Amino acid sequence: MVDRNQQCKACEGVGMLADDEGWQYRCPVCNGDGIYSQTEAKVMSVDENNRLLD
């Protein structure tokens, strides 16, 4: 069991996210392991609607 303080809040510790069409992909915040580490986190660019920019 993962400590709640280290659990990734984006994917809730699951490691997978889903878009509005149901496609699942690996969580970009925790790299799919469900544990958030500030040393591994990277800042992502977003537009004014909070959409990720590739």
N, C-alpha and C. Protein backbone atom coordinates (compact mmCIF):
# COMPACT_ATOMS: atom_id res chain seq x y z
N MET A 1 0.83 -1.17 0.00
CA MET A 1 0.00 0.00 0.00
C MET A 1 0.89 1.25 0.00
N VAL A 2 0.52 2.19 -0.82
CA VAL A 2 1.30 3.42 -0.97
C VAL A 2 0.85 4.43 0.09
N ASP A 3 1.82 5.12 0.67
CA ASP A 3 1.52 6.19 1.62
C ASP A 3 0.70 7.27 0.93
N ARG A 4 -0.38 7.74 1.55
CA ARG A 4 -1.28 8.74 0.94
C ARG A 4 -0.54 10.02 0.59
N ASN A 5 0.51 10.36 1.31
CA ASN A 5 1.27 11.58 1.03
C ASN A 5 2.11 11.44 -0.23
N GLN A 6 2.46 10.22 -0.61
CA GLN A 6 3.27 9.99 -1.80
C GLN A 6 2.45 9.51 -2.99
N GLN A 7 1.17 9.27 -2.79
CA GLN A 7 0.30 8.79 -3.86
C GLN A 7 0.08 9.91 -4.88
N CYS A 8 0.17 9.57 -6.14
CA CYS A 8 -0.04 10.55 -7.21
C CYS A 8 -1.50 11.01 -7.20
N LYS A 9 -1.69 12.32 -7.12
CA LYS A 9 -3.04 12.85 -7.06
C LYS A 9 -3.69 12.92 -8.44
N ALA A 10 -2.91 12.92 -9.49
CA ALA A 10 -3.46 12.99 -10.84
C ALA A 10 -4.17 11.69 -11.21
N CYS A 11 -3.56 10.54 -10.89
CA CYS A 11 -4.14 9.25 -11.26
C CYS A 11 -4.66 8.48 -10.05
N GLU A 12 -4.59 9.09 -8.87
CA GLU A 12 -5.04 8.48 -7.61
C GLU A 12 -4.31 7.17 -7.31
N GLY A 13 -3.05 7.08 -7.70
CA GLY A 13 -2.22 5.93 -7.38
C GLY A 13 -2.36 4.76 -8.32
N VAL A 14 -3.19 4.88 -9.36
CA VAL A 14 -3.42 3.77 -10.28
C VAL A 14 -2.32 3.70 -11.35
N GLY A 15 -1.82 4.86 -11.78
CA GLY A 15 -0.78 4.90 -12.80
C GLY A 15 -1.33 5.07 -14.21
N MET A 16 -2.65 5.05 -14.35
CA MET A 16 -3.27 5.21 -15.67
C MET A 16 -4.29 6.34 -15.62
N LEU A 17 -4.40 7.07 -16.72
CA LEU A 17 -5.41 8.10 -16.88
C LEU A 17 -6.23 7.76 -18.12
N ALA A 18 -7.42 8.34 -18.23
CA ALA A 18 -8.26 8.12 -19.40
C ALA A 18 -8.74 9.47 -19.91
N ASP A 19 -8.83 9.60 -21.23
CA ASP A 19 -9.35 10.84 -21.79
C ASP A 19 -10.86 10.76 -21.91
N ASP A 20 -11.48 11.78 -22.48
CA ASP A 20 -12.94 11.82 -22.54
C ASP A 20 -13.54 10.79 -23.49
N GLU A 21 -12.73 10.18 -24.34
CA GLU A 21 -13.21 9.13 -25.24
C GLU A 21 -12.96 7.73 -24.69
N GLY A 22 -12.35 7.63 -23.52
CA GLY A 22 -12.11 6.34 -22.89
C GLY A 22 -10.76 5.72 -23.18
N TRP A 23 -9.92 6.39 -23.97
CA TRP A 23 -8.58 5.87 -24.23
C TRP A 23 -7.75 6.01 -22.97
N GLN A 24 -7.07 4.94 -22.58
CA GLN A 24 -6.23 4.98 -21.39
C GLN A 24 -4.78 5.15 -21.78
N TYR A 25 -4.06 5.88 -20.95
CA TYR A 25 -2.64 6.11 -21.17
C TYR A 25 -1.92 6.22 -19.83
N ARG A 26 -0.62 6.05 -19.87
CA ARG A 26 0.19 6.10 -18.66
C ARG A 26 0.20 7.53 -18.11
N CYS A 27 0.10 7.66 -16.82
CA CYS A 27 0.06 8.96 -16.16
C CYS A 27 1.39 9.69 -16.38
N PRO A 28 1.35 10.90 -16.96
CA PRO A 28 2.60 11.64 -17.19
C PRO A 28 3.19 12.27 -15.93
N VAL A 29 2.41 12.36 -14.86
CA VAL A 29 2.89 12.98 -13.63
C VAL A 29 3.79 12.01 -12.86
N CYS A 30 3.35 10.75 -12.72
CA CYS A 30 4.12 9.76 -11.95
C CYS A 30 4.80 8.72 -12.84
N ASN A 31 4.70 8.87 -14.15
CA ASN A 31 5.27 7.93 -15.12
C ASN A 31 4.69 6.52 -14.98
N GLY A 32 3.45 6.43 -14.51
CA GLY A 32 2.75 5.16 -14.47
C GLY A 32 2.97 4.29 -13.26
N ASP A 33 3.73 4.76 -12.28
CA ASP A 33 3.95 3.91 -11.11
C ASP A 33 3.04 4.26 -9.92
N GLY A 34 2.27 5.34 -10.00
CA GLY A 34 1.32 5.69 -8.96
C GLY A 34 1.90 6.41 -7.77
N ILE A 35 3.21 6.60 -7.75
CA ILE A 35 3.88 7.27 -6.63
C ILE A 35 4.47 8.58 -7.14
N TYR A 36 4.10 9.68 -6.50
CA TYR A 36 4.58 10.99 -6.89
C TYR A 36 5.87 11.31 -6.15
N SER A 37 6.87 11.66 -6.90
CA SER A 37 8.15 12.05 -6.32
C SER A 37 8.53 13.40 -6.91
N GLN A 38 8.75 14.39 -6.06
CA GLN A 38 9.07 15.72 -6.56
C GLN A 38 10.39 15.75 -7.30
N THR A 39 11.28 14.82 -7.04
CA THR A 39 12.55 14.80 -7.75
C THR A 39 12.36 14.32 -9.18
N GLU A 40 11.32 13.51 -9.44
CA GLU A 40 11.05 13.00 -10.79
C GLU A 40 10.08 13.87 -11.57
N ALA A 41 9.35 14.75 -10.89
CA ALA A 41 8.30 15.54 -11.54
C ALA A 41 8.90 16.55 -12.50
N LYS A 42 8.21 16.74 -13.62
CA LYS A 42 8.63 17.76 -14.56
C LYS A 42 7.44 18.69 -14.82
N VAL A 43 7.75 19.93 -15.07
CA VAL A 43 6.71 20.92 -15.33
C VAL A 43 6.29 20.79 -16.79
N MET A 44 4.98 20.73 -17.01
CA MET A 44 4.46 20.59 -18.36
C MET A 44 3.84 21.90 -18.82
N SER A 45 3.93 22.17 -20.10
CA SER A 45 3.35 23.37 -20.66
C SER A 45 1.87 23.14 -20.96
N VAL A 46 1.04 24.12 -20.62
CA VAL A 46 -0.38 24.04 -20.89
C VAL A 46 -0.84 25.35 -21.54
N ASP A 47 -1.96 25.27 -22.26
CA ASP A 47 -2.53 26.48 -22.84
C ASP A 47 -3.52 27.10 -21.86
N GLU A 48 -4.25 28.13 -22.29
CA GLU A 48 -5.17 28.83 -21.38
C GLU A 48 -6.33 27.98 -20.92
N ASN A 49 -6.60 26.85 -21.60
CA ASN A 49 -7.66 25.93 -21.20
C ASN A 49 -7.14 24.73 -20.42
N ASN A 50 -5.88 24.81 -19.97
CA ASN A 50 -5.22 23.74 -19.22
C ASN A 50 -5.05 22.45 -20.03
N ARG A 51 -4.93 22.56 -21.33
CA ARG A 51 -4.63 21.40 -22.17
C ARG A 51 -3.13 21.29 -22.32
N LEU A 52 -2.63 20.05 -22.24
CA LEU A 52 -1.19 19.84 -22.37
C LEU A 52 -0.73 20.16 -23.78
N LEU A 53 0.42 20.82 -23.87
CA LEU A 53 1.02 21.13 -25.15
C LEU A 53 2.14 20.13 -25.42
N ASP A 54 2.11 19.51 -26.56
CA ASP A 54 3.15 18.52 -26.91
C ASP A 54 4.34 19.20 -27.54
